[in-house]
Amino acid sequence: MTFQRNNVTKYFYLLIIVLLFIIGFLIRENIAGAAETDFLKFTWPAVLSFKRDFAYSIINYGKFGEGSTPLFHILNAYLNPFTFSQIAFQASITLISFISFLVLAGILVEKFKIKKIDALIYSSILLLLPFYRASAFWGLTENLGWLFLILSLKFYVKFEASKNKNEKTYIFLICLFSSMALYTRPYLIFFPVFLILTFILNKNYKSLIQFSITYLLFSLPGLFLLNLWGGTVYLGIGDNKIDFIQDYHHPKFILKNLIIFPTIFLFYFLPFKLIEFFNKQFYFTKNKILLFFYFFIFLLICLFYYLDFFEYLKLTKLGGGSVLKISQFLFQENLIIFLLISFLGIVTIIELAILSKKNLILLLSIVAIYCTPKFIYQEYFEPLLILLFFLLFDLRVNLKKTFQDNKFQILLLVYFLGYFASSYYYRYYLEAI
C-alpha cells in the first residue's frame, strides 16, 4: 500500500537503483566478463589511434578488431574531452549511458502521459541490465548506439502522433539518429529495415520515398567506407584478416540461432506475460489450425532433438543467452528444459506476430539481422527488447493503463533486480569456483 500511495517510496527505490549504478562504476563491476578485455584490446586503442591520425585509422580500421562501425571512436576521439585517461573516458561513457535512461523516461511520459516518477522507475530497468552496465562502466561502443536508437524512437513516436505536422523534421531526425546508431553498432540497421518494410506493406509511398531518399544520403559515408575497405568489413591484418560479414554473419547461421533466439526473447517478455495473467488478460489461441501448427513445431523440435540436431548447444560456450547458460549449469547435457522454453518462446513470438502487422514486420526485421551472426549473444538484445516492448510492439495489454499499475512496477523491479543479482552471483561466485 505504501508503494501505491507514497511517491517518496518510489523515489527511494529509484535512488537505490541509481546508487547501484554509481557503485557499479566505482567498484569496476564487470558482470559481462569480457568487458575490460574488450576495452583494453579493441576499443581504447582504436580511440587513441583516431586521436593521433584520422586517415591512417579509418583506412586501417579493421586492424583494431572492433566488431562495430567506427562512429563511436571518431566522435569520442574528437568531441569527448575526457580521453586523457582510461578512467575519465569510461566515466564519460557511464554518463552517456545514464543520459539514455533519462531520455527514455521522457519518451514514456510523452507517449503514455504517466507521472515522471513512474516513467523514471520503468526507465531505470536499463540501469539494472548486466550487459548495459558492463558497456557503461568499461567504455564500450554499445551504449552510444543505444542512445542513438532511443533518440530515433523518440522522434518516431512523435512522427506517429504528428498527423502530418512537422513530418519532414521528424523524418530527418529519425533517419539521422538511426543512421548514427547504425554507424555505431551495425546490428541497429534493423530499425531502418523495419521502417522501410512498414511503409511498403502499408502502401505509404509518400513516407517511403521521403525516408528512402534521406537514408540514401546518410548511407553515402558508409558506401564510401565499404569501397575503401574493399567492399566489406575486414577484421585484422595480413594472414589474420577475416571477412567480418562473410565469416561471422551469414543467413546460414539463422537456422541454428532460431532455437536460441526465442529463449532470449521470452526472457525479456516474461514480465509482460505475467501481468497479462495477473490481470486475467492471458490469451492462448483456440484456433484449431494454429494449435495444430504449434503441435507440429513441437514434434519437429522433438524430432530434431532425437536426431541430435541440437548437439551443438551442448558445446556452445560463446553466446547462447542466459537460459542456455542456466540449462547447461543445472542440467549439463540435458536440453529438454531449454528446448521446452524455446518452444514457449516460439509460441509467444507467433502470437505477437499474429496480433498486428507492425509486430510481424518488427519480428522479421529482428530475426533477419540478429540471427545471422555465427554466435548469438544476449547482449545484442539488451536493452533492445525492453525498448521495443515499451515503445514499438503492439501488446495485448493496454500499456498506458499498465504503466499506471503499481503491481507492474513492482513486478518489473523484482524481476530485473533478480536478474541483476543472479548475474552478479554467477559472475563473481559460480565462475570463480
Protein backbone atom coordinates (compact mmCIF):
# COMPACT_ATOMS: atom_id res chain seq x y z
CA MET A 1 0.00 0.00 0.00
CA THR A 2 2.87 2.32 0.76
CA PHE A 3 4.28 1.81 -2.72
CA GLN A 4 0.91 2.67 -4.19
CA ARG A 5 0.19 5.79 -2.18
CA ASN A 6 3.51 7.40 -1.46
CA ASN A 7 5.78 8.72 -4.22
CA VAL A 8 8.55 9.05 -1.64
CA THR A 9 8.79 5.27 -1.61
CA LYS A 10 9.15 5.23 -5.38
CA TYR A 11 11.91 7.83 -5.22
CA PHE A 12 13.61 5.66 -2.60
CA TYR A 13 13.59 2.64 -4.92
CA LEU A 14 14.81 4.84 -7.76
CA LEU A 15 17.62 6.18 -5.58
CA ILE A 16 18.71 2.63 -4.76
CA ILE A 17 18.89 1.70 -8.45
CA VAL A 18 20.86 4.86 -9.31
CA LEU A 19 23.23 4.24 -6.39
CA LEU A 20 23.74 0.65 -7.55
CA PHE A 21 24.69 2.05 -10.95
CA ILE A 22 27.17 4.53 -9.48
CA ILE A 23 28.65 1.94 -7.12
CA GLY A 24 28.99 -0.47 -10.04
CA PHE A 25 31.22 2.04 -11.79
CA LEU A 26 33.25 2.82 -8.66
CA ILE A 27 33.99 -0.84 -7.86
CA ARG A 28 34.73 -1.58 -11.55
CA GLU A 29 31.93 -4.10 -11.84
CA ASN A 30 32.28 -6.42 -14.83
CA ILE A 31 29.38 -8.87 -14.82
CA ALA A 32 29.69 -9.43 -18.57
CA GLY A 33 33.18 -10.82 -18.01
CA ALA A 34 34.89 -9.76 -21.23
CA ALA A 35 34.16 -6.02 -20.98
CA GLU A 36 37.52 -4.99 -19.54
CA THR A 37 39.44 -7.11 -22.06
CA ASP A 38 37.41 -5.78 -24.99
CA PHE A 39 38.06 -2.20 -23.88
CA LEU A 40 41.82 -2.63 -23.44
CA LYS A 41 42.34 -4.79 -26.52
CA PHE A 42 39.98 -3.21 -29.05
CA THR A 43 38.08 -0.03 -28.11
CA TRP A 44 40.69 2.09 -26.34
CA PRO A 45 43.49 1.52 -28.89
CA ALA A 46 41.08 2.50 -31.69
CA VAL A 47 40.03 5.73 -29.95
CA LEU A 48 43.67 6.71 -29.30
CA SER A 49 44.64 5.90 -32.87
CA PHE A 50 41.89 8.16 -34.25
CA LYS A 51 43.12 10.95 -31.99
CA ARG A 52 46.61 10.64 -33.47
CA ASP A 53 45.86 10.04 -37.14
CA PHE A 54 42.36 10.00 -38.61
CA ALA A 55 43.35 8.99 -42.17
CA TYR A 56 45.51 6.06 -41.06
CA SER A 57 42.89 4.86 -38.56
CA ILE A 58 39.96 4.95 -40.97
CA ILE A 59 41.90 3.18 -43.73
CA ASN A 60 43.22 0.52 -41.34
CA TYR A 61 40.16 0.33 -39.12
CA GLY A 62 39.93 -3.45 -39.44
CA LYS A 63 43.22 -3.97 -37.62
CA PHE A 64 41.65 -2.84 -34.34
CA GLY A 65 39.38 -5.90 -34.35
CA GLU A 66 36.25 -3.99 -33.36
CA GLY A 67 33.03 -5.72 -34.38
CA SER A 68 31.41 -2.35 -34.96
CA THR A 69 31.49 0.62 -37.33
CA PRO A 70 33.81 3.50 -36.35
CA LEU A 71 31.47 6.38 -35.43
CA PHE A 72 31.91 5.73 -31.70
CA HIS A 73 35.68 6.06 -31.97
CA ILE A 74 35.55 9.13 -34.21
CA LEU A 75 33.09 11.05 -32.02
CA ASN A 76 34.97 10.25 -28.84
CA ALA A 77 38.39 10.95 -30.35
CA TYR A 78 37.43 14.47 -31.44
CA LEU A 79 34.46 15.55 -29.30
CA ASN A 80 34.94 13.81 -25.97
CA PRO A 81 37.19 15.94 -23.68
CA PHE A 82 37.74 13.02 -21.28
CA THR A 83 40.04 10.87 -23.41
CA PHE A 84 43.11 11.95 -21.44
CA SER A 85 42.83 8.81 -19.30
CA GLN A 86 41.08 5.47 -19.39
CA ILE A 87 39.05 6.00 -16.21
CA ALA A 88 37.91 9.51 -17.24
CA PHE A 89 36.85 8.19 -20.63
CA GLN A 90 34.95 5.31 -19.03
CA ALA A 91 33.24 7.77 -16.67
CA SER A 92 32.07 9.79 -19.70
CA ILE A 93 30.52 6.70 -21.31
CA THR A 94 28.86 5.86 -17.99
CA LEU A 95 27.37 9.37 -18.01
CA ILE A 96 26.13 8.91 -21.60
CA SER A 97 24.51 5.64 -20.52
CA PHE A 98 22.80 7.45 -17.65
CA ILE A 99 21.51 10.11 -20.06
CA SER A 100 19.84 7.34 -22.11
CA PHE A 101 17.88 6.37 -19.00
CA LEU A 102 16.65 9.97 -18.63
CA VAL A 103 15.77 10.32 -22.34
CA LEU A 104 13.79 7.07 -22.25
CA ALA A 105 11.86 8.31 -19.22
CA GLY A 106 10.96 11.48 -21.13
CA ILE A 107 9.64 9.42 -24.05
CA LEU A 108 7.47 7.32 -21.71
CA VAL A 109 5.99 10.47 -20.17
CA GLU A 110 5.22 11.90 -23.60
CA LYS A 111 3.83 8.70 -25.14
CA PHE A 112 1.79 7.34 -22.23
CA LYS A 113 1.04 10.52 -20.23
CA ILE A 114 2.26 8.94 -16.99
CA LYS A 115 3.87 10.59 -13.97
CA LYS A 116 7.58 11.40 -14.20
CA ILE A 117 8.42 9.21 -11.23
CA ASP A 118 6.64 6.25 -12.83
CA ALA A 119 8.47 6.83 -16.10
CA LEU A 120 11.78 7.01 -14.23
CA ILE A 121 11.01 3.74 -12.44
CA TYR A 122 10.36 1.94 -15.72
CA SER A 123 13.31 3.55 -17.47
CA SER A 124 15.63 2.63 -14.58
CA ILE A 125 15.36 -1.00 -15.72
CA LEU A 126 18.19 -0.05 -18.13
CA LEU A 127 20.46 0.65 -15.16
CA LEU A 128 19.95 -2.89 -13.83
CA LEU A 129 20.78 -4.76 -17.04
CA PRO A 130 24.16 -6.53 -16.66
CA PHE A 131 25.39 -6.06 -20.23
CA TYR A 132 24.24 -2.44 -20.34
CA ARG A 133 26.10 -1.80 -17.08
CA ALA A 134 29.28 -3.50 -18.30
CA SER A 135 29.31 -1.47 -21.51
CA ALA A 136 28.73 1.72 -19.50
CA PHE A 137 31.38 1.09 -16.86
CA TRP A 138 34.09 -0.07 -19.27
CA GLY A 139 33.59 2.44 -22.09
CA LEU A 140 32.45 0.05 -24.83
CA THR A 141 30.65 1.01 -28.01
CA GLU A 142 27.20 -0.45 -27.39
CA ASN A 143 25.59 2.19 -25.19
CA LEU A 144 26.22 5.12 -27.51
CA GLY A 145 24.41 3.10 -30.16
CA TRP A 146 21.54 2.54 -27.74
CA LEU A 147 21.34 6.29 -27.09
CA PHE A 148 21.07 6.98 -30.81
CA LEU A 149 18.38 4.28 -31.14
CA ILE A 150 16.44 5.76 -28.21
CA LEU A 151 16.58 9.18 -29.89
CA SER A 152 15.38 7.57 -33.14
CA LEU A 153 12.46 6.01 -31.26
CA LYS A 154 11.72 9.35 -29.59
CA PHE A 155 11.17 11.04 -32.94
CA TYR A 156 9.39 8.01 -34.38
CA VAL A 157 6.87 8.27 -31.54
CA LYS A 158 6.45 11.95 -32.45
CA PHE A 159 6.16 11.05 -36.14
CA GLU A 160 3.40 8.51 -35.46
CA ALA A 161 1.46 11.08 -33.43
CA SER A 162 2.21 14.08 -35.67
CA LYS A 163 -0.77 13.81 -38.03
CA ASN A 164 1.40 15.29 -40.82
CA LYS A 165 2.64 18.20 -38.64
CA ASN A 166 6.43 18.69 -38.70
CA GLU A 167 6.60 15.38 -40.57
CA LYS A 168 9.70 16.29 -42.62
CA THR A 169 11.57 17.36 -39.49
CA TYR A 170 10.77 14.11 -37.73
CA ILE A 171 11.74 12.06 -40.79
CA PHE A 172 15.10 13.81 -40.95
CA LEU A 173 15.77 13.29 -37.23
CA ILE A 174 14.68 9.64 -37.32
CA CYS A 175 16.98 8.96 -40.26
CA LEU A 176 19.82 10.96 -38.72
CA PHE A 177 19.86 9.20 -35.36
CA SER A 178 19.08 5.73 -36.71
CA SER A 179 21.95 6.16 -39.20
CA MET A 180 24.23 7.25 -36.35
CA ALA A 181 23.09 4.17 -34.44
CA LEU A 182 24.00 2.01 -37.44
CA TYR A 183 27.39 3.69 -37.82
CA THR A 184 27.99 2.90 -34.14
CA ARG A 185 26.58 -0.64 -33.98
CA PRO A 186 25.87 -2.38 -37.35
CA TYR A 187 23.08 -4.58 -35.93
CA LEU A 188 20.95 -1.50 -35.40
CA ILE A 189 20.28 -1.50 -39.14
CA PHE A 190 17.18 -3.47 -38.14
CA PHE A 191 15.33 -0.20 -37.42
CA PRO A 192 15.72 1.31 -40.92
CA VAL A 193 14.76 -2.11 -42.31
CA PHE A 194 11.64 -2.11 -40.14
CA LEU A 195 10.68 1.42 -41.24
CA ILE A 196 11.11 0.76 -44.95
CA LEU A 197 9.19 -2.55 -44.79
CA THR A 198 6.41 -0.88 -42.79
CA PHE A 199 5.88 1.83 -45.39
CA ILE A 200 5.98 -0.70 -48.24
CA LEU A 201 3.44 -3.09 -46.67
CA ASN A 202 1.17 -0.21 -45.58
CA LYS A 203 1.43 1.32 -49.07
CA ASN A 204 2.53 4.61 -47.51
CA TYR A 205 4.56 5.58 -50.56
CA LYS A 206 4.92 9.25 -49.62
CA SER A 207 6.75 8.42 -46.39
CA LEU A 208 8.61 5.59 -48.13
CA ILE A 209 10.07 7.99 -50.69
CA GLN A 210 10.97 10.59 -48.06
CA PHE A 211 12.66 8.05 -45.79
CA SER A 212 14.41 6.29 -48.68
CA ILE A 213 15.92 9.50 -50.06
CA THR A 214 17.06 10.65 -46.61
CA TYR A 215 18.55 7.25 -45.79
CA LEU A 216 20.29 7.21 -49.16
CA LEU A 217 22.01 10.50 -48.33
CA PHE A 218 23.07 9.24 -44.90
CA SER A 219 24.33 5.98 -46.43
CA LEU A 220 26.95 7.74 -48.58
CA PRO A 221 29.68 7.74 -45.88
CA GLY A 222 29.06 4.03 -45.32
CA LEU A 223 29.25 3.26 -49.04
CA PHE A 224 32.50 5.22 -49.21
CA LEU A 225 33.94 3.22 -46.31
CA LEU A 226 32.91 -0.11 -47.83
CA ASN A 227 34.63 0.90 -51.06
CA LEU A 228 37.68 1.98 -49.08
CA TRP A 229 37.77 -1.35 -47.25
CA GLY A 230 37.35 -3.47 -50.35
CA GLY A 231 33.59 -3.94 -50.36
CA THR A 232 33.18 -5.44 -46.90
CA VAL A 233 34.31 -5.07 -43.28
CA TYR A 234 37.62 -6.77 -42.57
CA LEU A 235 38.98 -7.53 -39.11
CA GLY A 236 42.68 -7.99 -38.54
CA ILE A 237 45.55 -7.67 -40.99
CA GLY A 238 47.66 -9.96 -43.17
CA ASP A 239 47.13 -13.67 -42.69
CA ASN A 240 44.86 -12.98 -39.73
CA LYS A 241 42.46 -10.84 -41.77
CA ILE A 242 38.91 -12.13 -41.87
CA ASP A 243 35.78 -11.01 -43.67
CA PHE A 244 33.52 -9.94 -40.82
CA ILE A 245 30.37 -10.13 -42.93
CA GLN A 246 31.01 -13.37 -44.80
CA ASP A 247 32.73 -15.28 -41.99
CA TYR A 248 30.68 -14.15 -39.00
CA HIS A 249 27.34 -13.00 -40.47
CA HIS A 250 25.53 -15.20 -42.93
CA PRO A 251 21.94 -16.42 -43.46
CA LYS A 252 23.21 -19.99 -42.99
CA PHE A 253 23.52 -19.29 -39.25
CA ILE A 254 19.85 -18.33 -38.88
CA LEU A 255 18.67 -21.93 -38.62
CA LYS A 256 20.84 -22.78 -35.62
CA ASN A 257 20.06 -19.46 -33.93
CA LEU A 258 16.30 -19.80 -34.36
CA ILE A 259 16.15 -22.18 -31.42
CA ILE A 260 18.18 -19.82 -29.20
CA PHE A 261 16.53 -16.51 -30.05
CA PRO A 262 13.06 -17.45 -28.66
CA THR A 263 14.57 -18.20 -25.24
CA ILE A 264 16.19 -14.75 -25.11
CA PHE A 265 13.01 -13.12 -26.37
CA LEU A 266 10.86 -14.88 -23.75
CA PHE A 267 13.35 -14.00 -21.03
CA TYR A 268 12.65 -10.27 -21.50
CA PHE A 269 8.98 -10.66 -22.41
CA LEU A 270 8.06 -12.78 -19.39
CA PRO A 271 7.04 -9.86 -17.11
CA PHE A 272 4.55 -8.71 -19.75
CA LYS A 273 3.06 -12.21 -19.95
CA LEU A 274 2.82 -12.33 -16.16
CA ILE A 275 0.95 -9.04 -15.97
CA GLU A 276 -1.47 -10.40 -18.58
CA PHE A 277 -2.04 -13.38 -16.31
CA PHE A 278 -2.47 -11.29 -13.15
CA ASN A 279 -4.93 -9.00 -14.92
CA LYS A 280 -6.83 -12.01 -16.30
CA GLN A 281 -5.91 -10.96 -19.84
CA PHE A 282 -3.87 -14.06 -20.54
CA TYR A 283 -4.57 -15.29 -24.03
CA PHE A 284 -3.97 -18.52 -25.85
CA THR A 285 -5.41 -19.19 -29.24
CA LYS A 286 -8.37 -21.52 -29.75
CA ASN A 287 -7.78 -21.58 -33.49
CA LYS A 288 -7.54 -25.28 -34.38
CA ILE A 289 -5.26 -24.67 -37.37
CA LEU A 290 -2.86 -22.63 -35.25
CA LEU A 291 -2.95 -25.20 -32.45
CA PHE A 292 -2.10 -27.89 -34.99
CA PHE A 293 0.77 -25.70 -36.22
CA TYR A 294 2.11 -25.36 -32.65
CA PHE A 295 1.86 -29.13 -32.22
CA PHE A 296 3.73 -29.59 -35.49
CA ILE A 297 6.52 -27.28 -34.30
CA PHE A 298 6.71 -29.20 -31.03
CA LEU A 299 7.01 -32.51 -32.88
CA LEU A 300 9.65 -31.01 -35.18
CA ILE A 301 11.73 -29.89 -32.19
CA CYS A 302 11.38 -33.38 -30.69
CA LEU A 303 12.48 -34.95 -33.98
CA PHE A 304 15.50 -32.67 -34.28
CA TYR A 305 16.40 -33.48 -30.68
CA TYR A 306 16.14 -37.22 -31.38
CA LEU A 307 18.37 -36.80 -34.47
CA ASP A 308 20.97 -34.89 -32.37
CA PHE A 309 20.48 -31.78 -34.48
CA PHE A 310 20.85 -29.68 -31.31
CA GLU A 311 24.09 -31.31 -30.27
CA TYR A 312 25.94 -28.02 -30.90
CA LEU A 313 24.03 -26.43 -27.99
CA LYS A 314 25.82 -28.74 -25.55
CA LEU A 315 29.16 -27.43 -26.78
CA THR A 316 28.19 -23.75 -27.03
CA LYS A 317 30.49 -21.68 -24.81
CA LEU A 318 30.33 -18.39 -26.72
CA GLY A 319 26.95 -16.71 -26.51
CA GLY A 320 23.69 -18.61 -26.29
CA GLY A 321 21.99 -16.38 -23.72
CA SER A 322 21.10 -16.76 -20.04
CA VAL A 323 18.59 -19.58 -20.48
CA LEU A 324 21.16 -21.78 -22.24
CA LYS A 325 23.79 -20.95 -19.60
CA ILE A 326 21.36 -21.86 -16.79
CA SER A 327 20.36 -25.03 -18.63
CA GLN A 328 23.99 -26.06 -19.07
CA PHE A 329 24.72 -25.35 -15.41
CA LEU A 330 21.68 -27.15 -13.95
CA PHE A 331 21.11 -29.96 -16.44
CA GLN A 332 24.54 -30.34 -18.12
CA GLU A 333 23.87 -32.03 -21.46
CA ASN A 334 20.13 -32.50 -20.99
CA LEU A 335 18.48 -29.98 -23.31
CA ILE A 336 14.83 -30.84 -22.66
CA ILE A 337 14.07 -27.86 -20.39
CA PHE A 338 15.91 -25.45 -22.71
CA LEU A 339 14.02 -26.75 -25.75
CA LEU A 340 10.71 -26.52 -23.88
CA ILE A 341 11.41 -22.87 -23.04
CA SER A 342 12.40 -22.28 -26.66
CA PHE A 343 9.10 -23.77 -27.80
CA LEU A 344 7.18 -21.47 -25.44
CA GLY A 345 9.20 -18.56 -26.82
CA ILE A 346 8.31 -19.58 -30.39
CA VAL A 347 4.61 -19.66 -29.46
CA THR A 348 4.92 -16.23 -27.82
CA ILE A 349 6.61 -14.78 -30.91
CA ILE A 350 3.98 -16.23 -33.25
CA GLU A 351 1.15 -14.87 -31.06
CA LEU A 352 2.73 -11.42 -31.18
CA ALA A 353 3.20 -11.64 -34.95
CA ILE A 354 -0.46 -12.53 -35.40
CA LEU A 355 -1.57 -9.65 -33.18
CA SER A 356 -0.58 -6.95 -35.69
CA LYS A 357 1.18 -6.38 -38.99
CA LYS A 358 3.54 -3.99 -37.19
CA ASN A 359 4.65 -6.77 -34.84
CA LEU A 360 5.21 -9.14 -37.76
CA ILE A 361 7.43 -6.66 -39.60
CA LEU A 362 9.35 -5.84 -36.44
CA LEU A 363 9.97 -9.50 -35.61
CA LEU A 364 11.04 -10.33 -39.16
CA SER A 365 13.45 -7.36 -39.13
CA ILE A 366 14.97 -8.50 -35.83
CA VAL A 367 15.34 -12.14 -36.88
CA ALA A 368 16.79 -11.18 -40.28
CA ILE A 369 19.52 -9.08 -38.66
CA TYR A 370 20.17 -10.52 -35.21
CA CYS A 371 20.01 -14.23 -36.05
CA THR A 372 22.66 -14.11 -38.79
CA PRO A 373 25.78 -13.95 -36.53
CA LYS A 374 27.86 -17.08 -36.09
CA PHE A 375 27.42 -16.66 -32.34
CA ILE A 376 24.27 -15.08 -30.92
CA TYR A 377 24.82 -13.19 -27.66
CA GLN A 378 22.25 -11.98 -25.14
CA GLU A 379 23.98 -8.60 -25.03
CA TYR A 380 22.75 -7.99 -28.62
CA PHE A 381 19.20 -7.80 -27.21
CA GLU A 382 19.91 -5.81 -24.04
CA PRO A 383 18.26 -3.32 -23.77
CA LEU A 384 16.87 -3.67 -27.31
CA LEU A 385 13.87 -5.84 -26.46
CA ILE A 386 12.94 -3.74 -23.42
CA LEU A 387 12.92 -0.60 -25.60
CA LEU A 388 10.80 -2.29 -28.25
CA PHE A 389 8.29 -3.69 -25.74
CA PHE A 390 7.93 -0.22 -24.22
CA LEU A 391 7.76 1.79 -27.43
CA LEU A 392 7.11 -0.24 -30.58
CA PHE A 393 5.45 -3.62 -30.10
CA ASP A 394 1.67 -3.84 -30.04
CA LEU A 395 0.79 -5.84 -26.91
CA ARG A 396 -2.44 -7.35 -25.70
CA VAL A 397 -2.31 -5.31 -22.53
CA ASN A 398 -3.04 -1.58 -22.66
CA LEU A 399 0.40 -0.18 -21.88
CA LYS A 400 -0.89 3.25 -20.90
CA LYS A 401 -3.10 1.63 -18.28
CA THR A 402 -0.49 -0.99 -17.39
CA PHE A 403 2.21 1.63 -16.77
CA GLN A 404 -0.08 3.18 -14.16
CA ASP A 405 -0.45 -0.16 -12.43
CA ASN A 406 1.81 -0.32 -9.40
CA LYS A 407 1.74 -4.12 -9.50
CA PHE A 408 3.51 -3.96 -12.86
CA GLN A 409 6.15 -1.62 -11.44
CA ILE A 410 6.82 -3.98 -8.57
CA LEU A 411 6.89 -6.98 -10.90
CA LEU A 412 9.43 -5.36 -13.24
CA LEU A 413 11.62 -4.16 -10.38
CA VAL A 414 11.65 -7.56 -8.68
CA TYR A 415 12.23 -9.40 -11.95
CA PHE A 416 15.15 -7.30 -13.16
CA LEU A 417 16.67 -6.85 -9.70
CA GLY A 418 16.62 -10.64 -9.52
CA TYR A 419 18.24 -10.84 -12.95
CA PHE A 420 20.95 -8.40 -11.84
CA ALA A 421 21.58 -10.21 -8.54
CA SER A 422 21.70 -13.68 -10.12
CA SER A 423 24.04 -12.44 -12.87
CA TYR A 424 26.30 -10.93 -10.19
CA TYR A 425 26.24 -14.20 -8.25
CA TYR A 426 27.01 -16.23 -11.37
CA ARG A 427 29.91 -13.98 -12.41
CA TYR A 428 31.60 -13.45 -9.08
CA TYR A 429 30.81 -16.67 -7.26
CA LEU A 430 29.97 -19.59 -9.52
CA GLU A 431 32.54 -18.75 -12.20
CA ALA A 432 35.15 -18.16 -9.51
CA ILE A 433 34.75 -21.66 -8.09
